[in-house]
């Protein structure tokens, strides 16, 4: 599921290139899976740190790519 979402919406040569909010949502969901997994196994601090880094990195990268 993650590969399909990424290929359709988030990859550099994605078939569909929706608006910025949807691209950020797809990237956050796909990349946030690691953070959710860490949080789920009891590593709450690591999960939160990874989630924050993913959101910040994805947002900055996408804004600069489109800017």
PDB file of N, CA and C in Angstrom:
ATOM      1  N   UNK A   1       0.830  -1.185   0.000  1.00  0.00           N
ATOM      2  CA  UNK A   1       0.000   0.000   0.000  1.00  0.00           C
ATOM      3  C   UNK A   1       0.878   1.254   0.000  1.00  0.00           C
ATOM      4  N   UNK A   2       1.913   1.251   0.837  1.00  0.00           N
ATOM      5  CA  UNK A   2       2.798   2.415   0.922  1.00  0.00           C
ATOM      6  C   UNK A   2       3.508   2.661  -0.404  1.00  0.00           C
ATOM      7  N   UNK A   3       3.945   1.601  -1.061  1.00  0.00           N
ATOM      8  CA  UNK A   3       4.649   1.745  -2.339  1.00  0.00           C
ATOM      9  C   UNK A   3       3.726   2.336  -3.396  1.00  0.00           C
ATOM     10  N   UNK A   4       2.497   1.895  -3.425  1.00  0.00           N
ATOM     11  CA  UNK A   4       1.532   2.405  -4.404  1.00  0.00           C
ATOM     12  C   UNK A   4       1.245   3.882  -4.145  1.00  0.00           C
ATOM     13  N   UNK A   5       1.000   4.241  -2.894  1.00  0.00           N
ATOM     14  CA  UNK A   5       0.755   5.649  -2.555  1.00  0.00           C
ATOM     15  C   UNK A   5       1.944   6.520  -2.953  1.00  0.00           C
ATOM     16  N   UNK A   6       3.137   6.048  -2.617  1.00  0.00           N
ATOM     17  CA  UNK A   6       4.340   6.824  -2.921  1.00  0.00           C
ATOM     18  C   UNK A   6       4.513   6.996  -4.430  1.00  0.00           C
ATOM     19  N   UNK A   7       4.341   5.919  -5.172  1.00  0.00           N
ATOM     20  CA  UNK A   7       4.529   5.974  -6.628  1.00  0.00           C
ATOM     21  C   UNK A   7       3.504   6.882  -7.294  1.00  0.00           C
ATOM     22  N   UNK A   8       2.288   6.873  -6.800  1.00  0.00           N
ATOM     23  CA  UNK A   8       1.248   7.690  -7.418  1.00  0.00           C
ATOM     24  C   UNK A   8       1.342   9.167  -7.069  1.00  0.00           C
ATOM     25  N   UNK A   9       1.713   9.479  -5.820  1.00  0.00           N
ATOM     26  CA  UNK A   9       1.595  10.855  -5.354  1.00  0.00           C
ATOM     27  C   UNK A   9       2.887  11.532  -4.903  1.00  0.00           C
ATOM     28  N   UNK A  10       3.859  10.791  -4.395  1.00  0.00           N
ATOM     29  CA  UNK A  10       4.973  11.425  -3.699  1.00  0.00           C
ATOM     30  C   UNK A  10       6.329  11.293  -4.375  1.00  0.00           C
ATOM     31  N   UNK A  11       6.473  10.345  -5.270  1.00  0.00           N
ATOM     32  CA  UNK A  11       7.758  10.143  -5.932  1.00  0.00           C
ATOM     33  C   UNK A  11       8.109  11.341  -6.822  1.00  0.00           C
ATOM     34  N   UNK A  12       9.400  11.572  -7.056  1.00  0.00           N
ATOM     35  CA  UNK A  12       9.786  12.695  -7.921  1.00  0.00           C
ATOM     36  C   UNK A  12       9.129  12.644  -9.304  1.00  0.00           C
ATOM     37  N   UNK A  13       8.940  11.444  -9.840  1.00  0.00           N
ATOM     38  CA  UNK A  13       8.263  11.305 -11.136  1.00  0.00           C
ATOM     39  C   UNK A  13       6.899  10.636 -10.963  1.00  0.00           C
ATOM     40  N   UNK A  14       6.156  11.104  -9.973  1.00  0.00           N
ATOM     41  CA  UNK A  14       4.849  10.517  -9.677  1.00  0.00           C
ATOM     42  C   UNK A  14       3.891  10.706 -10.847  1.00  0.00           C
ATOM     43  N   UNK A  15       3.028   9.724 -11.027  1.00  0.00           N
ATOM     44  CA  UNK A  15       2.048   9.809 -12.113  1.00  0.00           C
ATOM     45  C   UNK A  15       1.050  10.930 -11.861  1.00  0.00           C
ATOM     46  N   UNK A  16       0.647  11.108 -10.641  1.00  0.00           N
ATOM     47  CA  UNK A  16      -0.282  12.172 -10.273  1.00  0.00           C
ATOM     48  C   UNK A  16       0.457  13.143  -9.366  1.00  0.00           C
ATOM     49  N   UNK A  17       0.314  14.406  -9.586  1.00  0.00           N
ATOM     50  CA  UNK A  17       0.975  15.380  -8.711  1.00  0.00           C
ATOM     51  C   UNK A  17      -0.091  16.322  -8.160  1.00  0.00           C
ATOM     52  N   UNK A  18      -0.726  15.911  -7.074  1.00  0.00           N
ATOM     53  CA  UNK A  18      -1.772  16.734  -6.483  1.00  0.00           C
ATOM     54  C   UNK A  18      -1.177  17.950  -5.788  1.00  0.00           C
ATOM     55  N   UNK A  19      -2.024  18.721  -5.157  1.00  0.00           N
ATOM     56  CA  UNK A  19      -1.561  19.899  -4.430  1.00  0.00           C
ATOM     57  C   UNK A  19      -0.663  19.535  -3.259  1.00  0.00           C
ATOM     58  N   UNK A  20       0.026  20.538  -2.777  1.00  0.00           N
ATOM     59  CA  UNK A  20       0.992  20.354  -1.694  1.00  0.00           C
ATOM     60  C   UNK A  20       0.397  19.683  -0.455  1.00  0.00           C
ATOM     61  N   UNK A  21      -0.793  20.064   0.003  1.00  0.00           N
ATOM     62  CA  UNK A  21      -1.314  19.414   1.216  1.00  0.00           C
ATOM     63  C   UNK A  21      -1.467  17.899   1.081  1.00  0.00           C
ATOM     64  N   UNK A  22      -1.932  17.425  -0.060  1.00  0.00           N
ATOM     65  CA  UNK A  22      -2.099  15.978  -0.232  1.00  0.00           C
ATOM     66  C   UNK A  22      -0.754  15.268  -0.337  1.00  0.00           C
ATOM     67  N   UNK A  23       0.200  15.879  -1.022  1.00  0.00           N
ATOM     68  CA  UNK A  23       1.536  15.288  -1.118  1.00  0.00           C
ATOM     69  C   UNK A  23       2.152  15.167   0.277  1.00  0.00           C
ATOM     70  N   UNK A  24       2.034  16.209   1.061  1.00  0.00           N
ATOM     71  CA  UNK A  24       2.578  16.167   2.421  1.00  0.00           C
ATOM     72  C   UNK A  24       1.873  15.117   3.269  1.00  0.00           C
ATOM     73  N   UNK A  25       0.577  14.981   3.078  1.00  0.00           N
ATOM     74  CA  UNK A  25      -0.163  13.971   3.829  1.00  0.00           C
ATOM     75  C   UNK A  25       0.307  12.570   3.466  1.00  0.00           C
ATOM     76  N   UNK A  26       0.455  12.295   2.186  1.00  0.00           N
ATOM     77  CA  UNK A  26       0.919  10.971   1.745  1.00  0.00           C
ATOM     78  C   UNK A  26       2.310  10.699   2.295  1.00  0.00           C
ATOM     79  N   UNK A  27       3.194  11.662   2.193  1.00  0.00           N
ATOM     80  CA  UNK A  27       4.559  11.461   2.689  1.00  0.00           C
ATOM     81  C   UNK A  27       4.568  11.260   4.204  1.00  0.00           C
ATOM     82  N   UNK A  28       3.762  12.015   4.916  1.00  0.00           N
ATOM     83  CA  UNK A  28       3.713  11.876   6.369  1.00  0.00           C
ATOM     84  C   UNK A  28       3.178  10.506   6.767  1.00  0.00           C
ATOM     85  N   UNK A  29       2.165  10.018   6.065  1.00  0.00           N
ATOM     86  CA  UNK A  29       1.597   8.710   6.383  1.00  0.00           C
ATOM     87  C   UNK A  29       2.609   7.605   6.102  1.00  0.00           C
ATOM     88  N   UNK A  30       3.231   7.652   4.928  1.00  0.00           N
ATOM     89  CA  UNK A  30       4.176   6.595   4.559  1.00  0.00           C
ATOM     90  C   UNK A  30       5.411   6.632   5.459  1.00  0.00           C
ATOM     91  N   UNK A  31       6.020   7.797   5.589  1.00  0.00           N
ATOM     92  CA  UNK A  31       7.237   7.898   6.392  1.00  0.00           C
ATOM     93  C   UNK A  31       6.946   7.820   7.885  1.00  0.00           C
ATOM     94  N   UNK A  32       5.753   8.206   8.270  1.00  0.00           N
ATOM     95  CA  UNK A  32       5.372   8.148   9.676  1.00  0.00           C
ATOM     96  C   UNK A  32       5.139   6.741  10.176  1.00  0.00           C
ATOM     97  N   UNK A  33       5.093   5.779   9.269  1.00  0.00           N
ATOM     98  CA  UNK A  33       4.916   4.389   9.685  1.00  0.00           C
ATOM     99  C   UNK A  33       6.026   3.909  10.609  1.00  0.00           C
ATOM    100  N   UNK A  34       7.235   4.354  10.348  1.00  0.00           N
ATOM    101  CA  UNK A  34       8.354   3.990  11.225  1.00  0.00           C
ATOM    102  C   UNK A  34       8.197   4.573  12.612  1.00  0.00           C
ATOM    103  N   UNK A  35       7.754   5.806  12.660  1.00  0.00           N
ATOM    104  CA  UNK A  35       7.524   6.443  13.957  1.00  0.00           C
ATOM    105  C   UNK A  35       6.409   5.724  14.719  1.00  0.00           C
ATOM    106  N   UNK A  36       5.360   5.377  14.016  1.00  0.00           N
ATOM    107  CA  UNK A  36       4.255   4.655  14.654  1.00  0.00           C
ATOM    108  C   UNK A  36       4.708   3.294  15.171  1.00  0.00           C
ATOM    109  N   UNK A  37       5.564   2.623  14.405  1.00  0.00           N
ATOM    110  CA  UNK A  37       6.067   1.319  14.829  1.00  0.00           C
ATOM    111  C   UNK A  37       6.910   1.451  16.094  1.00  0.00           C
ATOM    112  N   UNK A  38       7.778   2.452  16.119  1.00  0.00           N
ATOM    113  CA  UNK A  38       8.578   2.673  17.329  1.00  0.00           C
ATOM    114  C   UNK A  38       7.692   2.956  18.536  1.00  0.00           C
ATOM    115  N   UNK A  39       6.740   3.813  18.344  1.00  0.00           N
ATOM    116  CA  UNK A  39       5.822   4.154  19.434  1.00  0.00           C
ATOM    117  C   UNK A  39       5.048   2.920  19.894  1.00  0.00           C
ATOM    118  N   UNK A  40       4.648   2.108  18.930  1.00  0.00           N
ATOM    119  CA  UNK A  40       3.870   0.920  19.235  1.00  0.00           C
ATOM    120  C   UNK A  40       4.615  -0.144  20.012  1.00  0.00           C
ATOM    121  N   UNK A  41       5.926  -0.205  19.870  1.00  0.00           N
ATOM    122  CA  UNK A  41       6.691  -1.222  20.604  1.00  0.00           C
ATOM    123  C   UNK A  41       7.209  -0.706  21.946  1.00  0.00           C
ATOM    124  N   UNK A  42       6.766   0.498  22.313  1.00  0.00           N
ATOM    125  CA  UNK A  42       7.134   1.013  23.623  1.00  0.00           C
ATOM    126  C   UNK A  42       8.249   2.033  23.626  1.00  0.00           C
ATOM    127  N   UNK A  43       8.757   2.389  22.487  1.00  0.00           N
ATOM    128  CA  UNK A  43       9.813   3.405  22.386  1.00  0.00           C
ATOM    129  C   UNK A  43       9.167   4.754  22.054  1.00  0.00           C
ATOM    130  N   UNK A  44       8.413   5.282  23.024  1.00  0.00           N
ATOM    131  CA  UNK A  44       7.638   6.492  22.777  1.00  0.00           C
ATOM    132  C   UNK A  44       8.502   7.692  22.432  1.00  0.00           C
ATOM    133  N   UNK A  45       9.587   7.893  23.153  1.00  0.00           N
ATOM    134  CA  UNK A  45      10.446   9.055  22.893  1.00  0.00           C
ATOM    135  C   UNK A  45      11.047   8.977  21.489  1.00  0.00           C
ATOM    136  N   UNK A  46      11.543   7.817  21.117  1.00  0.00           N
ATOM    137  CA  UNK A  46      12.122   7.656  19.778  1.00  0.00           C
ATOM    138  C   UNK A  46      11.050   7.842  18.706  1.00  0.00           C
ATOM    139  N   UNK A  47       9.859   7.329  18.944  1.00  0.00           N
ATOM    140  CA  UNK A  47       8.770   7.488  17.997  1.00  0.00           C
ATOM    141  C   UNK A  47       8.392   8.939  17.783  1.00  0.00           C
ATOM    142  N   UNK A  48       8.344   9.700  18.852  1.00  0.00           N
ATOM    143  CA  UNK A  48       8.008  11.124  18.747  1.00  0.00           C
ATOM    144  C   UNK A  48       9.110  11.875  18.014  1.00  0.00           C
ATOM    145  N   UNK A  49      10.358  11.578  18.330  1.00  0.00           N
ATOM    146  CA  UNK A  49      11.482  12.252  17.659  1.00  0.00           C
ATOM    147  C   UNK A  49      11.469  11.950  16.162  1.00  0.00           C
ATOM    148  N   UNK A  50      11.286  10.696  15.801  1.00  0.00           N
ATOM    149  CA  UNK A  50      11.246  10.335  14.385  1.00  0.00           C
ATOM    150  C   UNK A  50      10.073  11.016  13.691  1.00  0.00           C
ATOM    151  N   UNK A  51       8.929  11.069  14.331  1.00  0.00           N
ATOM    152  CA  UNK A  51       7.761  11.722  13.737  1.00  0.00           C
ATOM    153  C   UNK A  51       8.014  13.202  13.489  1.00  0.00           C
ATOM    154  N   UNK A  52       8.606  13.884  14.444  1.00  0.00           N
ATOM    155  CA  UNK A  52       8.894  15.312  14.280  1.00  0.00           C
ATOM    156  C   UNK A  52       9.898  15.526  13.147  1.00  0.00           C
ATOM    157  N   UNK A  53      10.938  14.715  13.100  1.00  0.00           N
ATOM    158  CA  UNK A  53      11.949  14.847  12.046  1.00  0.00           C
ATOM    159  C   UNK A  53      11.331  14.579  10.672  1.00  0.00           C
ATOM    160  N   UNK A  54      10.485  13.564  10.569  1.00  0.00           N
ATOM    161  CA  UNK A  54       9.842  13.244   9.297  1.00  0.00           C
ATOM    162  C   UNK A  54       8.971  14.406   8.823  1.00  0.00           C
ATOM    163  N   UNK A  55       8.167  14.945   9.708  1.00  0.00           N
ATOM    164  CA  UNK A  55       7.272  16.041   9.326  1.00  0.00           C
ATOM    165  C   UNK A  55       8.071  17.272   8.910  1.00  0.00           C
ATOM    166  N   UNK A  56       9.056  17.654   9.695  1.00  0.00           N
ATOM    167  CA  UNK A  56       9.858  18.835   9.356  1.00  0.00           C
ATOM    168  C   UNK A  56      10.635  18.637   8.062  1.00  0.00           C
ATOM    169  N   UNK A  57      11.293  17.504   7.925  1.00  0.00           N
ATOM    170  CA  UNK A  57      12.086  17.246   6.729  1.00  0.00           C
ATOM    171  C   UNK A  57      11.214  17.202   5.475  1.00  0.00           C
ATOM    172  N   UNK A  58      10.104  16.525   5.549  1.00  0.00           N
ATOM    173  CA  UNK A  58       9.215  16.411   4.396  1.00  0.00           C
ATOM    174  C   UNK A  58       8.649  17.764   4.000  1.00  0.00           C
ATOM    175  N   UNK A  59       8.237  18.538   4.968  1.00  0.00           N
ATOM    176  CA  UNK A  59       7.680  19.859   4.683  1.00  0.00           C
ATOM    177  C   UNK A  59       8.712  20.765   4.037  1.00  0.00           C
ATOM    178  N   UNK A  60       9.882  20.846   4.619  1.00  0.00           N
ATOM    179  CA  UNK A  60      10.930  21.719   4.077  1.00  0.00           C
ATOM    180  C   UNK A  60      11.343  21.265   2.675  1.00  0.00           C
ATOM    181  N   UNK A  61      11.533  19.965   2.478  1.00  0.00           N
ATOM    182  CA  UNK A  61      11.940  19.457   1.167  1.00  0.00           C
ATOM    183  C   UNK A  61      10.893  19.763   0.097  1.00  0.00           C
ATOM    184  N   UNK A  62       9.643  19.566   0.420  1.00  0.00           N
ATOM    185  CA  UNK A  62       8.569  19.780  -0.570  1.00  0.00           C
ATOM    186  C   UNK A  62       8.390  21.260  -0.868  1.00  0.00           C
ATOM    187  N   UNK A  63       8.495  22.103   0.136  1.00  0.00           N
ATOM    188  CA  UNK A  63       8.362  23.556  -0.085  1.00  0.00           C
ATOM    189  C   UNK A  63       9.491  24.052  -0.977  1.00  0.00           C
ATOM    190  N   UNK A  64      10.717  23.623  -0.716  1.00  0.00           N
ATOM    191  CA  UNK A  64      11.840  24.069  -1.536  1.00  0.00           C
ATOM    192  C   UNK A  64      11.778  23.483  -2.949  1.00  0.00           C
ATOM    193  N   UNK A  65      11.273  22.266  -3.086  1.00  0.00           N
ATOM    194  CA  UNK A  65      11.150  21.646  -4.403  1.00  0.00           C
ATOM    195  C   UNK A  65      10.157  22.421  -5.258  1.00  0.00           C
ATOM    196  N   UNK A  66       9.065  22.861  -4.672  1.00  0.00           N
ATOM    197  CA  UNK A  66       8.032  23.566  -5.426  1.00  0.00           C
ATOM    198  C   UNK A  66       8.299  25.059  -5.518  1.00  0.00           C
ATOM    199  N   UNK A  67       9.164  25.567  -4.658  1.00  0.00           N
ATOM    200  CA  UNK A  67       9.422  26.995  -4.621  1.00  0.00           C
ATOM    201  C   UNK A  67      10.395  27.415  -5.634  1.00  0.00           C
TER     202      UNK A  67
END
